[in-house]
N, C-alpha and C. Protein backbone atom coordinates (compact mmCIF):
# COMPACT_ATOMS: atom_id res chain seq x y z
N UNK A 1 42.42 44.64 35.65
CA UNK A 1 42.89 43.65 36.53
C UNK A 1 42.71 42.27 35.91
N UNK A 2 43.65 41.33 36.07
CA UNK A 2 43.60 40.02 35.48
C UNK A 2 42.49 39.19 36.25
N UNK A 3 41.76 38.55 35.46
CA UNK A 3 40.82 37.55 36.14
C UNK A 3 41.04 36.18 35.51
N UNK A 4 41.40 35.19 36.34
CA UNK A 4 41.58 33.85 35.67
C UNK A 4 40.36 33.29 35.09
N UNK A 5 40.38 32.40 34.14
CA UNK A 5 39.21 31.80 33.60
C UNK A 5 38.42 31.05 34.62
N UNK A 6 37.11 31.31 34.60
CA UNK A 6 36.24 30.64 35.62
C UNK A 6 35.51 29.44 35.10
N UNK A 7 35.73 29.21 33.81
CA UNK A 7 34.93 28.05 33.18
C UNK A 7 35.91 26.90 32.97
N UNK A 8 35.37 25.75 32.94
CA UNK A 8 35.98 24.48 32.57
C UNK A 8 36.23 24.58 31.09
N UNK A 9 37.46 24.48 30.62
CA UNK A 9 37.70 24.54 29.08
C UNK A 9 36.90 23.49 28.33
N UNK A 10 36.60 22.33 28.92
CA UNK A 10 35.78 21.41 28.26
C UNK A 10 34.38 21.82 27.96
N UNK A 11 33.89 22.82 28.67
CA UNK A 11 32.54 23.27 28.43
C UNK A 11 32.44 24.51 27.51
N UNK A 12 33.59 24.95 27.07
CA UNK A 12 33.61 26.00 25.98
C UNK A 12 33.24 25.40 24.70
N UNK A 13 32.15 25.84 24.06
CA UNK A 13 31.76 25.26 22.71
C UNK A 13 32.01 26.15 21.62
N UNK A 14 32.20 27.48 21.78
CA UNK A 14 32.36 28.43 20.66
C UNK A 14 33.38 29.46 21.19
N UNK A 15 34.35 29.88 20.25
CA UNK A 15 35.32 30.93 20.60
C UNK A 15 35.30 31.84 19.43
N UNK A 16 35.17 33.20 19.80
CA UNK A 16 35.24 34.29 18.73
C UNK A 16 36.40 35.20 19.17
N UNK A 17 37.29 35.48 18.25
CA UNK A 17 38.36 36.52 18.55
C UNK A 17 37.76 37.91 18.45
N UNK A 18 38.03 38.79 19.40
CA UNK A 18 37.59 40.19 19.32
C UNK A 18 38.56 40.88 18.30
N UNK A 19 38.38 42.19 18.24
CA UNK A 19 39.23 43.02 17.33
C UNK A 19 40.68 43.04 17.67
N UNK A 20 40.98 42.80 18.96
CA UNK A 20 42.40 42.74 19.39
C UNK A 20 42.84 41.30 19.65
N UNK A 21 42.11 40.29 19.21
CA UNK A 21 42.45 38.87 19.32
C UNK A 21 42.15 38.26 20.62
N UNK A 22 41.53 38.99 21.59
CA UNK A 22 41.08 38.37 22.86
C UNK A 22 39.85 37.50 22.52
N UNK A 23 39.59 36.51 23.35
CA UNK A 23 38.52 35.52 23.07
C UNK A 23 37.20 35.91 23.73
N UNK A 24 36.10 35.74 23.00
CA UNK A 24 34.80 35.89 23.54
C UNK A 24 34.34 34.37 23.43
N UNK A 25 33.99 33.80 24.57
CA UNK A 25 33.66 32.36 24.59
C UNK A 25 32.18 32.13 24.93
N UNK A 26 31.68 31.06 24.35
CA UNK A 26 30.33 30.57 24.72
C UNK A 26 30.49 29.27 25.42
N UNK A 27 29.89 29.17 26.61
CA UNK A 27 30.04 28.08 27.52
C UNK A 27 28.72 27.33 27.73
N UNK A 28 28.79 26.00 27.69
CA UNK A 28 27.57 25.18 27.91
C UNK A 28 27.50 24.75 29.37
N UNK A 29 26.36 24.90 29.95
CA UNK A 29 26.00 24.60 31.35
C UNK A 29 24.96 23.41 31.32
N UNK A 30 25.36 22.18 31.26
CA UNK A 30 24.42 21.04 31.13
C UNK A 30 23.72 20.85 32.51
N UNK A 31 22.55 20.28 32.49
CA UNK A 31 21.86 19.86 33.67
C UNK A 31 21.51 20.88 34.68
N UNK A 32 21.01 22.02 34.18
CA UNK A 32 20.59 23.10 35.08
C UNK A 32 19.17 22.84 35.48
N UNK A 33 18.94 22.70 36.80
CA UNK A 33 17.47 22.42 37.24
C UNK A 33 16.61 23.59 36.93
N UNK A 34 15.41 23.37 36.48
CA UNK A 34 14.49 24.42 36.13
C UNK A 34 13.62 24.74 37.45
N UNK A 35 13.14 23.74 38.07
CA UNK A 35 12.35 23.89 39.30
C UNK A 35 12.52 22.68 40.12
N UNK A 36 12.30 22.74 41.46
CA UNK A 36 12.36 21.47 42.20
C UNK A 36 11.48 20.39 41.64
N UNK A 37 11.98 19.25 41.56
CA UNK A 37 11.23 18.02 41.07
C UNK A 37 10.87 18.21 39.58
N UNK A 38 11.66 19.01 38.88
CA UNK A 38 11.37 19.16 37.38
C UNK A 38 12.50 18.64 36.59
N UNK A 39 12.44 18.84 35.32
CA UNK A 39 13.53 18.33 34.44
C UNK A 39 14.73 19.19 34.44
N UNK A 40 15.87 18.69 33.98
CA UNK A 40 17.09 19.46 33.84
C UNK A 40 17.18 19.89 32.30
N UNK A 41 17.82 21.00 32.21
CA UNK A 41 18.04 21.53 30.78
C UNK A 41 19.43 22.09 30.72
N UNK A 42 19.83 22.30 29.42
CA UNK A 42 21.13 22.85 29.16
C UNK A 42 21.00 24.38 28.94
N UNK A 43 21.86 25.14 29.55
CA UNK A 43 21.84 26.55 29.32
C UNK A 43 23.26 27.05 28.86
N UNK A 44 23.31 28.24 28.30
CA UNK A 44 24.53 28.69 27.71
C UNK A 44 24.83 30.15 28.32
N UNK A 45 26.05 30.48 28.34
CA UNK A 45 26.46 31.84 28.74
C UNK A 45 27.64 32.22 27.86
N UNK A 46 28.01 33.52 27.90
CA UNK A 46 29.18 34.03 27.06
C UNK A 46 29.91 35.05 27.91
N UNK A 47 31.24 35.09 27.65
CA UNK A 47 32.00 36.24 28.35
C UNK A 47 33.20 36.60 27.51
N UNK A 48 33.60 37.87 27.62
CA UNK A 48 34.68 38.40 26.90
C UNK A 48 35.91 38.37 27.83
N UNK A 49 37.03 37.80 27.41
CA UNK A 49 38.20 37.76 28.25
C UNK A 49 38.93 39.08 28.30
N UNK A 50 38.54 39.97 27.46
CA UNK A 50 39.25 41.25 27.45
C UNK A 50 38.57 42.36 28.31
N UNK A 51 37.32 42.67 28.03
CA UNK A 51 36.61 43.77 28.76
C UNK A 51 35.81 43.19 29.91
N UNK A 52 35.72 41.85 29.98
CA UNK A 52 34.94 41.08 31.07
C UNK A 52 33.51 41.32 31.02
N UNK A 53 32.91 41.76 29.90
CA UNK A 53 31.43 41.81 29.74
C UNK A 53 31.02 40.38 29.57
N UNK A 54 29.80 40.15 29.78
CA UNK A 54 29.16 38.80 29.78
C UNK A 54 27.75 38.80 29.43
N UNK A 55 27.21 37.63 28.96
CA UNK A 55 25.81 37.36 28.71
C UNK A 55 25.49 36.30 29.71
N UNK A 56 24.44 36.64 30.50
CA UNK A 56 23.98 35.66 31.49
C UNK A 56 23.42 34.32 30.87
N UNK A 57 23.30 33.35 31.70
CA UNK A 57 22.80 32.03 31.20
C UNK A 57 21.43 32.18 30.61
N UNK A 58 21.33 31.43 29.53
CA UNK A 58 20.08 31.43 28.76
C UNK A 58 19.92 30.12 28.04
N UNK A 59 18.64 29.58 28.01
CA UNK A 59 18.44 28.28 27.41
C UNK A 59 18.59 28.33 25.89
N UNK A 60 18.61 29.43 25.28
CA UNK A 60 18.64 29.58 23.81
C UNK A 60 20.11 29.84 23.38
N UNK A 61 20.72 28.76 22.74
CA UNK A 61 22.11 28.90 22.31
C UNK A 61 22.20 30.07 21.29
N UNK A 62 21.19 30.19 20.44
CA UNK A 62 21.23 31.21 19.34
C UNK A 62 21.32 32.69 20.01
N UNK A 63 20.65 32.85 21.12
CA UNK A 63 20.70 34.17 21.80
C UNK A 63 22.11 34.51 22.29
N UNK A 64 22.68 33.54 22.91
CA UNK A 64 24.01 33.64 23.54
C UNK A 64 25.05 33.76 22.40
N UNK A 65 24.93 32.94 21.37
CA UNK A 65 25.85 32.95 20.23
C UNK A 65 25.81 34.26 19.47
N UNK A 66 24.62 34.85 19.33
CA UNK A 66 24.47 36.10 18.67
C UNK A 66 25.17 37.27 19.48
N UNK A 67 24.97 37.23 20.80
CA UNK A 67 25.59 38.21 21.66
C UNK A 67 27.12 38.11 21.54
N UNK A 68 27.63 36.89 21.62
CA UNK A 68 29.12 36.73 21.58
C UNK A 68 29.70 37.15 20.26
N UNK A 69 29.01 36.81 19.19
CA UNK A 69 29.45 37.19 17.81
C UNK A 69 29.49 38.72 17.67
N UNK A 70 28.39 39.32 18.01
CA UNK A 70 28.30 40.77 17.87
C UNK A 70 29.31 41.53 18.88
N UNK A 71 29.42 41.00 20.07
CA UNK A 71 30.42 41.63 20.95
C UNK A 71 31.83 41.46 20.37
N UNK A 72 32.18 40.29 19.82
CA UNK A 72 33.50 40.16 19.29
C UNK A 72 33.79 41.10 18.12
N UNK A 73 32.73 41.46 17.34
CA UNK A 73 32.92 42.36 16.23
C UNK A 73 33.14 43.76 16.68
N UNK A 74 32.55 44.12 17.86
CA UNK A 74 32.65 45.54 18.38
C UNK A 74 33.73 45.76 19.38
N UNK A 75 34.12 44.80 20.21
CA UNK A 75 35.02 45.01 21.32
C UNK A 75 36.47 45.27 20.84
N UNK A 76 37.04 46.26 21.36
CA UNK A 76 38.39 46.55 21.02
C UNK A 76 39.33 46.43 22.17
N UNK A 77 38.85 45.98 23.31
CA UNK A 77 39.68 45.83 24.52
C UNK A 77 40.74 44.81 24.32
N UNK A 78 41.92 45.11 24.86
CA UNK A 78 43.04 44.21 24.70
C UNK A 78 42.90 43.07 25.74
N UNK A 79 43.54 41.94 25.40
CA UNK A 79 43.50 40.80 26.39
C UNK A 79 44.00 41.27 27.76
N UNK A 80 43.46 40.66 28.81
CA UNK A 80 43.87 40.92 30.12
C UNK A 80 45.35 40.49 30.26
N UNK A 81 46.16 41.24 30.97
CA UNK A 81 47.57 40.82 31.22
C UNK A 81 47.73 39.55 32.06
N UNK A 82 48.64 38.73 31.88
CA UNK A 82 48.88 37.61 32.75
C UNK A 82 49.49 38.13 34.10
N UNK A 83 49.08 37.39 35.16
CA UNK A 83 49.71 37.84 36.46
C UNK A 83 51.14 37.60 36.52
N UNK A 84 51.89 38.37 37.19
CA UNK A 84 53.33 38.17 37.36
C UNK A 84 53.63 37.87 38.78
N UNK A 85 54.63 37.04 38.96
CA UNK A 85 55.09 36.70 40.40
C UNK A 85 55.97 37.86 40.85
N UNK A 86 55.64 38.39 41.98
CA UNK A 86 56.39 39.50 42.46
C UNK A 86 57.00 39.15 43.88
């Protein structure tokens, strides 16, 4: 089933094509509160536009980037079809 992008394109910082050319994206989430009355930090997440698998938010860009890169190398899912007006 088609799922529209849930992320702001301006927050996408890395794009990897999977084996069928669908994108696996890494997204930046700035200013995530860590605890009440505490500092804000940037976190990152990734998702595949084909199989819809994802990596949850993590403060380490390298962790999310590695997941996205490895997923793009392995994933053979085709891009989700665009919705049609019926």
